Amino acid sequence: MVDTVEISRVNIRDSLSVDVSVWMNHPDDMDFRPSLFVSGSTFMIRSLSDGSSLASIELDEAQMEAVVRDQAAELRVKFQVQGMHGRLKDIHPIIADGKAKKLATANWKTTQSVTFE
């Protein structure tokens, strides 16, 4: 199940591009089914599973023009898991190749249609 969703950045590339950080409760959780909505100038991400609002952000004029023109937005999602990411305080080098250990992250990119309310 999704713990929190944070919209970190909104850009205009070919279409509206939204960078999202999704924190999951457990590594085996796979219940992230987003749907995109625009109400006024507020861009919202809702869950298709239960209809709850996950995150929202206000769009400026140029971003609104892009989303109205394309009727779609590109989601660039970075998945993280509680207990696995965000708590590594000391990075221990791997002596054999001189590199530091890093935690695995999963990234996902999709283009989804936007519903206007």
N, C-alpha and C. Protein backbone atom coordinates (compact mmCIF):
# COMPACT_ATOMS: atom_id res chain seq x y z
N MET A 1 0.84 -1.18 0.00
CA MET A 1 0.00 0.00 0.00
C MET A 1 0.88 1.24 0.00
N VAL A 2 0.42 2.29 -0.62
CA VAL A 2 1.16 3.54 -0.71
C VAL A 2 1.12 4.25 0.63
N ASP A 3 2.28 4.69 1.10
CA ASP A 3 2.35 5.44 2.34
C ASP A 3 2.17 6.93 2.06
N THR A 4 3.08 7.51 1.28
CA THR A 4 2.96 8.92 0.90
C THR A 4 3.37 9.12 -0.55
N VAL A 5 2.84 10.17 -1.15
CA VAL A 5 3.19 10.56 -2.52
C VAL A 5 3.55 12.03 -2.48
N GLU A 6 4.71 12.37 -3.02
CA GLU A 6 5.17 13.76 -3.05
C GLU A 6 5.46 14.16 -4.49
N ILE A 7 4.90 15.30 -4.91
CA ILE A 7 5.22 15.85 -6.23
C ILE A 7 6.43 16.75 -6.04
N SER A 8 7.56 16.35 -6.62
CA SER A 8 8.79 17.11 -6.41
C SER A 8 9.03 18.19 -7.45
N ARG A 9 8.59 17.96 -8.69
CA ARG A 9 8.85 18.95 -9.74
C ARG A 9 7.83 18.82 -10.86
N VAL A 10 7.47 19.95 -11.46
CA VAL A 10 6.58 19.97 -12.62
C VAL A 10 7.30 20.76 -13.72
N ASN A 11 7.51 20.12 -14.87
CA ASN A 11 8.19 20.74 -16.00
C ASN A 11 7.32 20.65 -17.25
N ILE A 12 7.68 21.44 -18.25
CA ILE A 12 7.08 21.30 -19.56
C ILE A 12 8.18 20.85 -20.52
N ARG A 13 8.05 19.63 -21.02
CA ARG A 13 8.96 19.13 -22.05
C ARG A 13 8.15 19.10 -23.33
N ASP A 14 7.91 17.93 -23.88
CA ASP A 14 6.97 17.82 -25.00
C ASP A 14 5.55 18.03 -24.50
N SER A 15 5.30 17.54 -23.30
CA SER A 15 4.01 17.73 -22.62
C SER A 15 4.33 18.03 -21.16
N LEU A 16 3.30 18.07 -20.33
CA LEU A 16 3.52 18.33 -18.91
C LEU A 16 4.19 17.11 -18.29
N SER A 17 5.31 17.30 -17.59
CA SER A 17 6.06 16.23 -16.97
C SER A 17 6.06 16.45 -15.46
N VAL A 18 5.64 15.43 -14.71
CA VAL A 18 5.51 15.54 -13.27
C VAL A 18 6.42 14.50 -12.61
N ASP A 19 7.38 14.96 -11.80
CA ASP A 19 8.26 14.07 -11.05
C ASP A 19 7.61 13.77 -9.71
N VAL A 20 7.46 12.49 -9.40
CA VAL A 20 6.75 12.06 -8.20
C VAL A 20 7.61 11.07 -7.42
N SER A 21 7.65 11.24 -6.10
CA SER A 21 8.32 10.30 -5.21
C SER A 21 7.24 9.54 -4.44
N VAL A 22 7.23 8.22 -4.58
CA VAL A 22 6.20 7.38 -3.96
C VAL A 22 6.86 6.50 -2.90
N TRP A 23 6.41 6.64 -1.66
CA TRP A 23 6.90 5.82 -0.56
C TRP A 23 5.90 4.69 -0.31
N MET A 24 6.39 3.46 -0.40
CA MET A 24 5.57 2.28 -0.15
C MET A 24 5.84 1.76 1.27
N ASN A 25 4.87 1.04 1.85
CA ASN A 25 5.02 0.52 3.21
C ASN A 25 5.89 -0.72 3.28
N HIS A 26 5.88 -1.53 2.23
CA HIS A 26 6.57 -2.81 2.26
C HIS A 26 7.15 -3.09 0.87
N PRO A 27 8.28 -3.77 0.78
CA PRO A 27 8.87 -4.05 -0.55
C PRO A 27 7.97 -4.85 -1.49
N ASP A 28 7.03 -5.63 -0.94
CA ASP A 28 6.14 -6.43 -1.79
C ASP A 28 4.87 -5.70 -2.18
N ASP A 29 4.69 -4.45 -1.73
CA ASP A 29 3.50 -3.68 -2.10
C ASP A 29 3.58 -3.27 -3.56
N MET A 30 2.49 -3.49 -4.27
CA MET A 30 2.46 -3.12 -5.69
C MET A 30 1.16 -2.42 -6.04
N ASP A 31 0.50 -1.86 -5.04
CA ASP A 31 -0.80 -1.24 -5.25
C ASP A 31 -0.64 0.26 -5.45
N PHE A 32 -0.06 0.67 -6.57
CA PHE A 32 0.01 2.08 -6.95
C PHE A 32 -0.60 2.20 -8.34
N ARG A 33 -1.85 2.62 -8.38
CA ARG A 33 -2.58 2.81 -9.64
C ARG A 33 -3.06 4.25 -9.66
N PRO A 34 -2.27 5.16 -10.23
CA PRO A 34 -2.65 6.58 -10.21
C PRO A 34 -3.61 6.95 -11.32
N SER A 35 -4.42 7.95 -11.04
CA SER A 35 -5.24 8.60 -12.07
C SER A 35 -5.04 10.10 -11.89
N LEU A 36 -5.03 10.82 -13.00
CA LEU A 36 -4.70 12.25 -12.99
C LEU A 36 -5.94 13.09 -13.23
N PHE A 37 -6.09 14.16 -12.45
CA PHE A 37 -7.24 15.05 -12.53
C PHE A 37 -6.77 16.49 -12.46
N VAL A 38 -7.51 17.39 -13.11
CA VAL A 38 -7.30 18.82 -12.99
C VAL A 38 -8.62 19.45 -12.60
N SER A 39 -8.62 20.20 -11.51
CA SER A 39 -9.79 20.92 -11.05
C SER A 39 -9.39 22.37 -10.86
N GLY A 40 -9.91 23.25 -11.72
CA GLY A 40 -9.45 24.65 -11.71
C GLY A 40 -8.02 24.69 -12.20
N SER A 41 -7.10 25.12 -11.33
CA SER A 41 -5.67 25.09 -11.69
C SER A 41 -4.91 24.12 -10.79
N THR A 42 -5.63 23.23 -10.12
CA THR A 42 -5.00 22.25 -9.23
C THR A 42 -4.87 20.91 -9.95
N PHE A 43 -3.65 20.41 -10.00
CA PHE A 43 -3.33 19.10 -10.59
C PHE A 43 -3.33 18.09 -9.46
N MET A 44 -4.11 17.01 -9.60
CA MET A 44 -4.24 16.03 -8.53
C MET A 44 -3.91 14.62 -9.02
N ILE A 45 -3.31 13.85 -8.14
CA ILE A 45 -3.08 12.43 -8.37
C ILE A 45 -3.96 11.69 -7.37
N ARG A 46 -4.83 10.81 -7.89
CA ARG A 46 -5.71 10.02 -7.04
C ARG A 46 -5.44 8.55 -7.26
N SER A 47 -5.83 7.74 -6.29
CA SER A 47 -5.68 6.30 -6.37
C SER A 47 -6.90 5.70 -7.05
N LEU A 48 -6.68 4.85 -8.05
CA LEU A 48 -7.79 4.14 -8.68
C LEU A 48 -8.34 3.05 -7.77
N SER A 49 -7.53 2.59 -6.82
CA SER A 49 -7.95 1.51 -5.93
C SER A 49 -9.08 1.95 -5.01
N ASP A 50 -8.89 3.10 -4.33
CA ASP A 50 -9.89 3.54 -3.36
C ASP A 50 -10.39 4.96 -3.59
N GLY A 51 -9.89 5.66 -4.60
CA GLY A 51 -10.36 6.99 -4.92
C GLY A 51 -9.81 8.10 -4.04
N SER A 52 -8.87 7.76 -3.15
CA SER A 52 -8.32 8.78 -2.25
C SER A 52 -7.36 9.70 -2.99
N SER A 53 -7.24 10.92 -2.53
CA SER A 53 -6.32 11.90 -3.11
C SER A 53 -4.93 11.64 -2.55
N LEU A 54 -3.96 11.43 -3.43
CA LEU A 54 -2.60 11.12 -3.00
C LEU A 54 -1.72 12.36 -2.94
N ALA A 55 -1.85 13.26 -3.91
CA ALA A 55 -1.04 14.48 -3.94
C ALA A 55 -1.69 15.50 -4.86
N SER A 56 -1.38 16.77 -4.63
CA SER A 56 -1.88 17.83 -5.51
C SER A 56 -0.89 18.98 -5.53
N ILE A 57 -0.97 19.78 -6.60
CA ILE A 57 -0.10 20.94 -6.75
C ILE A 57 -0.81 21.95 -7.65
N GLU A 58 -0.54 23.22 -7.42
CA GLU A 58 -1.10 24.29 -8.25
C GLU A 58 -0.24 24.45 -9.50
N LEU A 59 -0.87 24.59 -10.66
CA LEU A 59 -0.17 24.78 -11.93
C LEU A 59 -0.22 26.25 -12.33
N ASP A 60 0.85 26.73 -12.98
CA ASP A 60 0.82 28.10 -13.50
C ASP A 60 0.19 28.09 -14.89
N GLU A 61 0.14 29.26 -15.52
CA GLU A 61 -0.56 29.40 -16.82
C GLU A 61 0.03 28.54 -17.91
N ALA A 62 1.37 28.53 -18.04
CA ALA A 62 2.02 27.76 -19.10
C ALA A 62 1.79 26.26 -18.89
N GLN A 63 1.85 25.81 -17.65
CA GLN A 63 1.63 24.40 -17.37
C GLN A 63 0.17 24.01 -17.64
N MET A 64 -0.77 24.91 -17.31
CA MET A 64 -2.18 24.64 -17.60
C MET A 64 -2.42 24.56 -19.10
N GLU A 65 -1.80 25.45 -19.87
CA GLU A 65 -1.94 25.41 -21.33
C GLU A 65 -1.45 24.08 -21.89
N ALA A 66 -0.31 23.59 -21.38
CA ALA A 66 0.26 22.34 -21.87
C ALA A 66 -0.65 21.15 -21.56
N VAL A 67 -1.21 21.10 -20.35
CA VAL A 67 -2.05 19.97 -19.98
C VAL A 67 -3.40 20.02 -20.70
N VAL A 68 -3.93 21.22 -20.94
CA VAL A 68 -5.20 21.34 -21.68
C VAL A 68 -4.98 20.97 -23.15
N ARG A 69 -3.85 21.38 -23.71
CA ARG A 69 -3.55 21.09 -25.11
C ARG A 69 -3.39 19.59 -25.34
N ASP A 70 -2.65 18.92 -24.47
CA ASP A 70 -2.33 17.50 -24.68
C ASP A 70 -3.35 16.55 -24.07
N GLN A 71 -4.10 17.02 -23.09
CA GLN A 71 -5.05 16.17 -22.37
C GLN A 71 -4.35 14.97 -21.74
N ALA A 72 -3.04 15.11 -21.48
CA ALA A 72 -2.25 14.04 -20.90
C ALA A 72 -1.06 14.64 -20.17
N ALA A 73 -0.45 13.83 -19.31
CA ALA A 73 0.75 14.25 -18.58
C ALA A 73 1.67 13.05 -18.44
N GLU A 74 2.96 13.33 -18.38
CA GLU A 74 3.96 12.28 -18.21
C GLU A 74 4.31 12.20 -16.72
N LEU A 75 4.16 11.01 -16.14
CA LEU A 75 4.55 10.78 -14.75
C LEU A 75 5.91 10.12 -14.73
N ARG A 76 6.82 10.70 -13.96
CA ARG A 76 8.14 10.11 -13.76
C ARG A 76 8.21 9.76 -12.27
N VAL A 77 8.04 8.48 -11.96
CA VAL A 77 7.86 8.02 -10.59
C VAL A 77 9.13 7.38 -10.07
N LYS A 78 9.52 7.76 -8.85
CA LYS A 78 10.63 7.12 -8.15
C LYS A 78 10.04 6.41 -6.93
N PHE A 79 10.11 5.08 -6.94
CA PHE A 79 9.57 4.29 -5.84
C PHE A 79 10.62 4.13 -4.75
N GLN A 80 10.18 4.28 -3.51
CA GLN A 80 11.04 4.05 -2.36
C GLN A 80 10.23 3.29 -1.32
N VAL A 81 10.93 2.55 -0.46
CA VAL A 81 10.26 1.71 0.52
C VAL A 81 10.70 2.10 1.92
N GLN A 82 9.74 2.25 2.84
CA GLN A 82 10.07 2.54 4.22
C GLN A 82 10.95 1.43 4.78
N GLY A 83 12.03 1.81 5.44
CA GLY A 83 12.94 0.82 6.01
C GLY A 83 14.07 0.44 5.08
N MET A 84 13.92 0.70 3.78
CA MET A 84 14.99 0.37 2.83
C MET A 84 15.69 1.61 2.30
N HIS A 85 14.98 2.73 2.19
CA HIS A 85 15.55 3.94 1.62
C HIS A 85 15.43 5.09 2.61
N GLY A 86 16.36 5.99 2.56
CA GLY A 86 16.27 7.19 3.37
C GLY A 86 16.83 7.06 4.77
N ARG A 87 17.40 5.91 5.14
CA ARG A 87 17.92 5.75 6.49
C ARG A 87 19.39 5.33 6.51
N LEU A 88 20.02 5.23 5.38
CA LEU A 88 21.42 4.85 5.31
C LEU A 88 22.27 6.05 5.69
N LYS A 89 22.94 5.98 6.85
CA LYS A 89 23.71 7.12 7.34
C LYS A 89 25.18 7.03 6.93
N ASP A 90 25.74 5.86 6.99
CA ASP A 90 27.15 5.68 6.65
C ASP A 90 27.27 4.87 5.36
N ILE A 91 27.99 5.42 4.40
CA ILE A 91 28.24 4.72 3.15
C ILE A 91 29.61 4.06 3.27
N HIS A 92 29.64 2.74 3.22
CA HIS A 92 30.88 1.99 3.37
C HIS A 92 31.43 1.65 2.00
N PRO A 93 32.64 2.03 1.71
CA PRO A 93 33.19 1.75 0.38
C PRO A 93 33.46 0.27 0.17
N ILE A 94 33.31 -0.16 -1.07
CA ILE A 94 33.70 -1.51 -1.46
C ILE A 94 35.17 -1.41 -1.83
N ILE A 95 36.00 -2.06 -1.08
CA ILE A 95 37.44 -1.89 -1.25
C ILE A 95 37.90 -2.40 -2.61
N ALA A 96 37.27 -3.46 -3.12
CA ALA A 96 37.72 -4.08 -4.37
C ALA A 96 37.66 -3.11 -5.55
N ASP A 97 36.63 -2.29 -5.66
CA ASP A 97 36.52 -1.40 -6.82
C ASP A 97 36.44 0.07 -6.44
N GLY A 98 36.53 0.40 -5.17
CA GLY A 98 36.57 1.79 -4.75
C GLY A 98 35.24 2.52 -4.81
N LYS A 99 34.16 1.79 -5.07
CA LYS A 99 32.85 2.43 -5.15
C LYS A 99 32.11 2.25 -3.83
N ALA A 100 31.14 3.13 -3.59
CA ALA A 100 30.35 3.04 -2.37
C ALA A 100 29.10 2.20 -2.63
N LYS A 101 28.59 1.56 -1.59
CA LYS A 101 27.36 0.78 -1.71
C LYS A 101 26.18 1.73 -1.86
N LYS A 102 25.25 1.38 -2.72
CA LYS A 102 24.05 2.19 -2.92
C LYS A 102 22.83 1.30 -2.78
N LEU A 103 21.75 1.90 -2.31
CA LEU A 103 20.50 1.15 -2.20
C LEU A 103 19.78 1.17 -3.54
N ALA A 104 19.10 0.09 -3.86
CA ALA A 104 18.38 -0.02 -5.12
C ALA A 104 17.15 0.89 -5.11
N THR A 105 16.90 1.55 -6.22
CA THR A 105 15.66 2.33 -6.38
C THR A 105 15.01 1.91 -7.68
N ALA A 106 13.70 1.99 -7.69
CA ALA A 106 12.94 1.63 -8.89
C ALA A 106 12.33 2.90 -9.48
N ASN A 107 12.53 3.11 -10.77
CA ASN A 107 11.95 4.26 -11.46
C ASN A 107 10.96 3.78 -12.50
N TRP A 108 9.95 4.61 -12.76
CA TRP A 108 8.86 4.25 -13.65
C TRP A 108 8.45 5.49 -14.40
N LYS A 109 8.22 5.39 -15.69
CA LYS A 109 7.79 6.54 -16.49
C LYS A 109 6.61 6.12 -17.36
N THR A 110 5.55 6.93 -17.33
CA THR A 110 4.36 6.61 -18.10
C THR A 110 3.66 7.90 -18.50
N THR A 111 2.90 7.85 -19.58
CA THR A 111 2.06 8.96 -19.99
C THR A 111 0.61 8.55 -19.78
N GLN A 112 -0.11 9.38 -19.02
CA GLN A 112 -1.50 9.07 -18.70
C GLN A 112 -2.40 10.22 -19.08
N SER A 113 -3.65 9.88 -19.40
CA SER A 113 -4.62 10.91 -19.74
C SER A 113 -5.05 11.66 -18.47
N VAL A 114 -5.46 12.90 -18.68
CA VAL A 114 -5.88 13.75 -17.57
C VAL A 114 -7.38 14.01 -17.70
N THR A 115 -8.09 13.86 -16.59
CA THR A 115 -9.54 14.13 -16.55
C THR A 115 -9.75 15.52 -15.96
N PHE A 116 -10.60 16.31 -16.62
CA PHE A 116 -10.88 17.67 -16.14
C PHE A 116 -12.21 17.69 -15.41
N GLU A 117 -12.22 18.35 -14.26
CA GLU A 117 -13.45 18.45 -13.46
C GLU A 117 -13.96 19.87 -13.45
